[in-house]
Amino acid sequence: MEVQISGATFSNLLQTLKDCSGDAEGFLLGKTEEDCFEELSDSPEINKKESVTTNIKSFLCINQKCSFYNGMGKVVLEEVEQILKSNSVVTKDVVGWFSFRHYSHHLLSLRDGAVHMSLSTSLPHVIPEKFIFIMFTGHVNMNFSVHTETYTLFQYKRERFTDLPLSITNMAATTGAAMYRNLSSYLHIPKCLEGLAAPYKESLLMSKNNGPPVVSLYRDTVEYMQKLKEDVKSSSEELYDLNSSISRLKLKVEELHEPTTVQTKDPDPDKSDETEEESQPLVSTTEEQPREEIPLIEMSDEPPTPLNVNHHNNTDKGGTVLDEFDPLS
């Protein structure tokens, strides 16, 4: 969860708390938006993430303690509605509340926790996990030359209070010294915002305290930008629908221009079967490999020629007769 507040609104809030005679408290006004986007990555899976952003546009300060709750921290809803109605504030604009204490330790008290839990469950439009609380404590040194303001943003989630960072956004990167030297040069804004700045131009030039006009101008500007954002979103959806319809029409035109093929049926299906059988070859067209020829042996009726064998009567020492064969005879 991300919480944003403009530099003009935050500085005006600190100035208002410093000017209070004692402890104070009030409501944070703005809007909470939820957004779902796809995270770009190399993996084929689509990773969707949800982000919750609370934008604090303004505030309502009450210069006393226990203004809408009792000593035990139980909120009285009738008192809350009466305070908001008397200051022309809509109940659905409440996104949180704040508390300011002088010369106190910067610690969350039990009563602050009880008030936060009771207030988050009493307002009908509020989701308890998205309801925020800012605790301020102020200290001044002995000679009143240094004023120290300490703040912490809390969120009650999972049955405990956790601190969150507070993002301070500015409409333009300008230095305070340059703005005070030539204030009129910073009032030249785009033509699309001239209607918003016209009621505040004179008050910014003539008033000594420029905090409230700047906060009101910022609130109106943010509302105007959100309206433009919604208009752009609706126009993008209409453009997407138009592109989809154009693509469908193109496909229909391509189908109409494709050549049509006509298939004729044979009236006698039996004849078609016979022609198919006749068309098939009866003899295999595969080439046969030549067989190897076996040589024939010629047979003759003449008797075979006798071999010339010379018999020599040779007797070895053992008395055995050996026949010698002479291949050259």
Protein backbone atom coordinates (compact mmCIF):
# COMPACT_ATOMS: atom_id res chain seq x y z
CA MET A 1 0.00 0.00 0.00
CA GLU A 2 1.28 3.45 -0.95
CA VAL A 3 0.19 6.76 0.62
CA GLN A 4 0.81 10.04 -1.22
CA ILE A 5 0.39 13.65 -0.16
CA SER A 6 1.42 16.83 -1.94
CA GLY A 7 4.09 19.09 -0.51
CA ALA A 8 1.64 22.00 -0.26
CA THR A 9 -0.92 19.94 1.67
CA PHE A 10 1.64 18.45 4.03
CA SER A 11 3.32 21.78 4.80
CA ASN A 12 -0.07 23.40 5.41
CA LEU A 13 -0.98 20.57 7.78
CA LEU A 14 2.24 21.05 9.77
CA GLN A 15 1.68 24.81 9.90
CA THR A 16 -1.88 24.33 11.11
CA LEU A 17 -0.77 21.95 13.87
CA LYS A 18 1.99 24.36 14.98
CA ASP A 19 -0.52 27.19 15.30
CA CYS A 20 -2.84 25.11 17.51
CA SER A 21 -2.98 26.19 21.14
CA GLY A 22 -2.94 22.59 22.38
CA ASP A 23 -3.43 19.03 21.26
CA ALA A 24 -5.46 18.52 18.12
CA GLU A 25 -6.87 15.84 15.86
CA GLY A 26 -8.78 15.62 12.62
CA PHE A 27 -9.63 13.71 9.48
CA LEU A 28 -7.59 12.99 6.35
CA LEU A 29 -9.54 13.56 3.13
CA GLY A 30 -8.73 12.01 -0.21
CA LYS A 31 -9.33 8.92 -2.29
CA THR A 32 -8.13 5.31 -2.33
CA GLU A 33 -7.61 3.67 -5.72
CA GLU A 34 -6.96 0.05 -6.62
CA ASP A 35 -5.15 -0.87 -9.80
CA CYS A 36 -4.30 -4.23 -11.40
CA PHE A 37 -1.46 -4.42 -13.90
CA GLU A 38 0.61 -7.06 -15.66
CA GLU A 39 4.27 -7.31 -14.78
CA LEU A 40 6.59 -7.51 -17.79
CA SER A 41 8.97 -10.47 -17.67
CA ASP A 42 10.67 -13.01 -19.92
CA SER A 43 8.62 -15.91 -18.61
CA PRO A 44 5.59 -17.00 -20.64
CA GLU A 45 3.35 -16.86 -17.56
CA ILE A 46 1.41 -13.62 -17.02
CA ASN A 47 2.08 -12.13 -13.59
CA LYS A 48 -0.67 -9.82 -12.38
CA LYS A 49 -0.14 -7.52 -9.44
CA GLU A 50 -2.52 -5.32 -7.51
CA SER A 51 -1.55 -1.94 -6.12
CA VAL A 52 -3.45 0.20 -3.60
CA THR A 53 -2.72 3.94 -3.55
CA THR A 54 -4.21 6.45 -1.12
CA ASN A 55 -3.93 10.08 -2.18
CA ILE A 56 -4.43 12.63 0.62
CA LYS A 57 -5.86 15.79 -0.97
CA SER A 58 -6.89 17.80 2.08
CA PHE A 59 -7.57 17.57 5.81
CA LEU A 60 -9.98 18.76 8.47
CA CYS A 61 -8.38 19.89 11.73
CA ILE A 62 -10.26 19.99 15.06
CA ASN A 63 -8.52 22.08 17.72
CA GLN A 64 -9.40 19.84 20.67
CA LYS A 65 -9.15 16.24 21.86
CA CYS A 66 -11.94 13.68 22.26
CA SER A 67 -14.13 15.57 19.80
CA PHE A 68 -15.82 12.51 18.26
CA TYR A 69 -15.08 9.73 20.78
CA ASN A 70 -15.24 9.12 24.52
CA GLY A 71 -12.44 8.52 26.99
CA MET A 72 -12.38 4.79 26.23
CA GLY A 73 -11.79 5.38 22.54
CA LYS A 74 -15.29 4.43 21.31
CA VAL A 75 -16.34 6.57 18.33
CA VAL A 76 -19.71 8.30 18.30
CA LEU A 77 -20.85 8.15 14.68
CA GLU A 78 -23.41 10.97 15.11
CA GLU A 79 -20.65 13.35 16.22
CA VAL A 80 -18.50 12.37 13.25
CA GLU A 81 -21.33 13.02 10.78
CA GLN A 82 -22.15 16.36 12.42
CA ILE A 83 -18.53 17.55 12.25
CA LEU A 84 -18.18 16.54 8.60
CA LYS A 85 -21.53 18.09 7.63
CA SER A 86 -20.74 21.41 9.34
CA ASN A 87 -17.50 21.65 7.33
CA SER A 88 -19.12 20.59 4.00
CA VAL A 89 -17.17 17.36 3.86
CA VAL A 90 -18.57 14.17 2.35
CA THR A 91 -18.21 11.07 4.49
CA LYS A 92 -16.84 8.95 1.64
CA ASP A 93 -13.83 11.31 1.28
CA VAL A 94 -12.46 10.28 4.69
CA VAL A 95 -9.45 7.97 4.16
CA GLY A 96 -7.94 8.28 7.65
CA TRP A 97 -7.41 10.48 10.67
CA PHE A 98 -4.54 12.11 12.56
CA SER A 99 -3.63 13.04 16.11
CA PHE A 100 -1.25 15.74 17.39
CA ARG A 101 0.25 15.95 20.89
CA HIS A 102 2.56 18.57 22.41
CA TYR A 103 5.55 17.57 24.56
CA SER A 104 4.80 13.87 24.49
CA HIS A 105 6.69 10.71 23.68
CA HIS A 106 6.30 9.59 20.10
CA LEU A 107 4.57 6.32 20.96
CA LEU A 108 1.22 4.90 19.94
CA SER A 109 -1.13 4.92 22.93
CA LEU A 110 -3.82 2.38 23.69
CA ARG A 111 -6.54 4.98 23.23
CA ASP A 112 -5.22 5.91 19.77
CA GLY A 113 -5.38 2.26 18.77
CA ALA A 114 -8.92 1.91 20.13
CA VAL A 115 -10.08 5.06 18.32
CA HIS A 116 -8.58 3.86 15.04
CA MET A 117 -10.22 0.44 15.22
CA SER A 118 -13.59 1.90 16.24
CA LEU A 119 -13.50 4.59 13.53
CA SER A 120 -12.51 2.16 10.77
CA THR A 121 -15.44 -0.11 11.60
CA SER A 122 -17.99 2.70 12.16
CA LEU A 123 -17.72 4.41 8.77
CA PRO A 124 -19.75 2.39 6.24
CA HIS A 125 -17.53 2.96 3.18
CA VAL A 126 -14.19 2.24 4.88
CA ILE A 127 -12.17 -0.98 4.55
CA PRO A 128 -10.30 -1.38 7.88
CA GLU A 129 -7.04 -2.56 6.27
CA LYS A 130 -6.93 0.54 4.02
CA PHE A 131 -7.76 3.08 6.72
CA ILE A 132 -4.66 5.07 7.77
CA PHE A 133 -3.59 7.01 10.87
CA ILE A 134 -0.85 9.65 11.19
CA MET A 135 0.54 10.44 14.64
CA PHE A 136 2.23 13.84 15.14
CA THR A 137 4.23 15.00 18.15
CA GLY A 138 5.74 18.48 18.59
CA HIS A 139 8.64 19.73 20.69
CA VAL A 140 10.14 23.21 21.17
CA ASN A 141 13.56 23.96 22.62
CA MET A 142 14.19 26.20 25.64
CA ASN A 143 14.43 29.53 23.79
CA PHE A 144 11.59 28.64 21.35
CA SER A 145 13.89 28.92 18.35
CA VAL A 146 13.53 25.38 17.05
CA HIS A 147 10.22 23.60 16.50
CA THR A 148 10.47 19.87 15.92
CA GLU A 149 7.58 17.95 14.39
CA THR A 150 7.73 14.15 14.31
CA TYR A 151 5.23 12.02 12.43
CA THR A 152 4.57 8.34 11.70
CA LEU A 153 2.04 6.79 9.35
CA PHE A 154 0.31 3.66 10.66
CA GLN A 155 -1.85 0.94 9.11
CA TYR A 156 -3.75 -1.68 11.10
CA LYS A 157 -3.25 -4.99 9.32
CA ARG A 158 -3.17 -8.58 10.54
CA GLU A 159 -4.14 -7.57 14.07
CA ARG A 160 -1.24 -5.18 14.59
CA PHE A 161 -0.13 -1.67 13.69
CA THR A 162 2.62 -1.34 11.09
CA ASP A 163 4.28 1.86 9.93
CA LEU A 164 4.21 2.86 6.25
CA PRO A 165 6.31 5.34 4.25
CA LEU A 166 4.65 8.61 3.29
CA SER A 167 5.41 9.80 -0.25
CA ILE A 168 5.43 13.59 -0.63
CA THR A 169 4.80 14.57 -4.25
CA ASN A 170 5.13 18.03 -5.76
CA MET A 171 3.39 19.50 -8.78
CA ALA A 172 6.61 21.14 -10.00
CA ALA A 173 10.29 21.13 -9.05
CA THR A 174 10.62 24.72 -7.80
CA THR A 175 12.59 26.23 -4.95
CA GLY A 176 10.84 28.25 -2.28
CA ALA A 177 13.18 31.24 -2.59
CA ALA A 178 12.61 31.58 -6.32
CA MET A 179 8.86 31.32 -5.87
CA TYR A 180 8.73 34.09 -3.28
CA ARG A 181 10.97 36.38 -5.37
CA ASN A 182 8.66 36.23 -8.36
CA LEU A 183 5.38 34.62 -7.43
CA SER A 184 3.52 35.86 -10.51
CA SER A 185 5.83 33.90 -12.84
CA TYR A 186 4.63 30.64 -11.32
CA LEU A 187 0.99 31.46 -11.93
CA HIS A 188 1.33 31.01 -15.70
CA ILE A 189 -0.20 27.59 -16.10
CA PRO A 190 -1.49 25.73 -19.19
CA LYS A 191 -4.68 26.91 -20.83
CA CYS A 192 -6.52 23.75 -19.85
CA LEU A 193 -6.10 24.69 -16.15
CA GLU A 194 -6.84 28.41 -16.40
CA GLY A 195 -10.41 27.88 -15.25
CA LEU A 196 -9.19 26.16 -12.10
CA ALA A 197 -6.55 28.74 -11.18
CA ALA A 198 -8.64 31.86 -11.88
CA PRO A 199 -10.44 31.90 -8.47
CA TYR A 200 -7.13 31.46 -6.59
CA LYS A 201 -4.86 33.79 -8.52
CA GLU A 202 -5.77 36.95 -6.64
CA SER A 203 -5.71 35.25 -3.23
CA LEU A 204 -2.23 33.85 -3.89
CA LEU A 205 -0.88 37.30 -4.76
CA MET A 206 -2.60 39.29 -2.01
CA SER A 207 -2.86 36.90 0.94
CA LYS A 208 -0.03 36.54 3.44
CA ASN A 209 -0.91 32.96 4.24
CA ASN A 210 -0.85 31.05 0.95
CA GLY A 211 -1.45 27.66 2.53
CA PRO A 212 -5.24 27.25 2.20
CA PRO A 213 -5.47 28.60 -1.40
CA VAL A 214 -2.65 26.31 -2.54
CA VAL A 215 -4.26 23.29 -0.91
CA SER A 216 -7.62 24.08 -2.50
CA LEU A 217 -5.99 24.61 -5.89
CA TYR A 218 -4.16 21.32 -5.58
CA ARG A 219 -7.35 19.48 -4.62
CA ASP A 220 -9.26 20.91 -7.59
CA THR A 221 -6.37 20.11 -9.93
CA VAL A 222 -6.19 16.50 -8.78
CA GLU A 223 -9.93 16.07 -9.23
CA TYR A 224 -9.71 17.56 -12.71
CA MET A 225 -6.83 15.24 -13.64
CA GLN A 226 -8.74 12.21 -12.35
CA LYS A 227 -11.70 13.20 -14.51
CA LEU A 228 -9.40 13.44 -17.52
CA LYS A 229 -8.00 10.02 -16.67
CA GLU A 230 -11.48 8.50 -16.65
CA ASP A 231 -12.28 10.17 -19.99
CA VAL A 232 -9.10 8.79 -21.55
CA LYS A 233 -9.88 5.32 -20.20
CA SER A 234 -13.42 5.34 -21.64
CA SER A 235 -12.18 6.63 -25.01
CA SER A 236 -9.52 3.89 -25.09
CA GLU A 237 -12.19 1.25 -24.50
CA GLU A 238 -14.32 2.70 -27.31
CA LEU A 239 -11.30 2.71 -29.61
CA TYR A 240 -10.59 -0.92 -28.79
CA ASP A 241 -14.19 -1.88 -29.61
CA LEU A 242 -14.01 -0.02 -32.92
CA ASN A 243 -10.78 -1.76 -33.90
CA SER A 244 -12.30 -5.14 -33.06
CA SER A 245 -15.37 -4.46 -35.21
CA ILE A 246 -13.16 -3.28 -38.10
CA SER A 247 -11.14 -6.51 -37.91
CA ARG A 248 -14.31 -8.60 -38.02
CA LEU A 249 -15.60 -6.68 -41.05
CA LYS A 250 -12.29 -7.18 -42.86
CA LEU A 251 -12.52 -10.93 -42.33
CA LYS A 252 -16.05 -10.98 -43.75
CA VAL A 253 -14.94 -9.03 -46.83
CA GLU A 254 -12.07 -11.47 -47.42
CA GLU A 255 -14.44 -14.43 -47.17
CA LEU A 256 -16.75 -12.87 -49.76
CA HIS A 257 -13.91 -12.33 -52.24
CA GLU A 258 -12.54 -15.87 -52.01
CA PRO A 259 -13.18 -18.04 -55.23
CA THR A 260 -15.86 -20.68 -54.79
CA THR A 261 -15.22 -24.28 -55.98
CA VAL A 262 -18.18 -26.35 -57.32
CA GLN A 263 -18.05 -30.14 -56.82
CA THR A 264 -20.17 -32.31 -59.23
CA LYS A 265 -21.52 -35.63 -58.01
CA ASP A 266 -21.63 -38.79 -60.16
CA PRO A 267 -25.27 -39.90 -60.63
CA ASP A 268 -24.35 -43.60 -60.71
CA PRO A 269 -22.03 -44.46 -57.81
CA ASP A 270 -21.60 -48.10 -59.00
CA LYS A 271 -20.03 -47.01 -62.27
CA SER A 272 -17.65 -44.74 -60.46
CA ASP A 273 -16.47 -47.70 -58.39
CA GLU A 274 -15.93 -49.77 -61.55
CA THR A 275 -13.91 -47.05 -63.20
CA GLU A 276 -11.78 -46.74 -60.12
CA GLU A 277 -11.09 -50.48 -60.20
CA GLU A 278 -10.23 -50.40 -63.94
CA SER A 279 -7.89 -47.54 -63.45
CA GLN A 280 -5.87 -49.50 -60.92
CA PRO A 281 -2.99 -51.46 -62.63
CA LEU A 282 -3.17 -55.26 -62.52
CA VAL A 283 0.57 -55.81 -62.83
CA SER A 284 2.98 -54.53 -60.35
CA THR A 285 5.24 -51.89 -61.75
CA THR A 286 8.06 -52.59 -59.38
CA GLU A 287 11.29 -53.63 -61.13
CA GLU A 288 12.57 -57.14 -60.43
CA GLN A 289 16.21 -57.66 -59.73
CA PRO A 290 18.01 -60.02 -62.24
CA ARG A 291 18.78 -63.49 -60.96
CA GLU A 292 22.33 -64.84 -60.90
CA GLU A 293 23.05 -67.59 -63.54
CA ILE A 294 24.32 -70.90 -62.20
CA PRO A 295 27.06 -72.47 -64.45
CA LEU A 296 26.17 -75.87 -65.95
CA ILE A 297 28.55 -78.84 -65.72
CA GLU A 298 28.85 -80.91 -68.92
CA MET A 299 28.71 -84.65 -68.43
CA SER A 300 30.41 -87.10 -70.88
CA ASP A 301 29.96 -90.86 -71.35
CA GLU A 302 33.69 -91.60 -71.71
CA PRO A 303 35.38 -93.20 -68.72
CA PRO A 304 37.77 -91.04 -66.75
CA THR A 305 41.44 -91.09 -67.58
CA PRO A 306 43.41 -93.16 -65.05
CA LEU A 307 46.11 -91.52 -63.05
CA ASN A 308 49.71 -92.62 -63.50
CA VAL A 309 50.80 -93.96 -60.21
CA ASN A 310 54.29 -95.49 -59.78
CA HIS A 311 54.48 -98.07 -57.09
CA HIS A 312 57.90 -98.57 -55.57
CA ASN A 313 58.41 -101.23 -53.12
CA ASN A 314 60.13 -99.38 -50.39
CA THR A 315 60.29 -101.00 -47.08
CA ASP A 316 61.29 -99.05 -44.02
CA LYS A 317 62.86 -100.50 -41.00
CA GLY A 318 59.50 -101.50 -39.68
CA GLY A 319 58.63 -103.56 -42.75
CA THR A 320 55.81 -101.21 -44.00
CA VAL A 321 55.34 -100.81 -47.76
CA LEU A 322 55.07 -97.14 -48.84
CA ASP A 323 53.47 -96.07 -52.14
CA GLU A 324 54.99 -93.00 -53.62
CA PHE A 325 52.98 -90.73 -55.87
CA ASP A 326 54.75 -88.91 -58.58
CA PRO A 327 52.69 -85.92 -59.79
CA LEU A 328 55.07 -85.25 -62.71
CA SER A 329 54.71 -88.66 -64.36
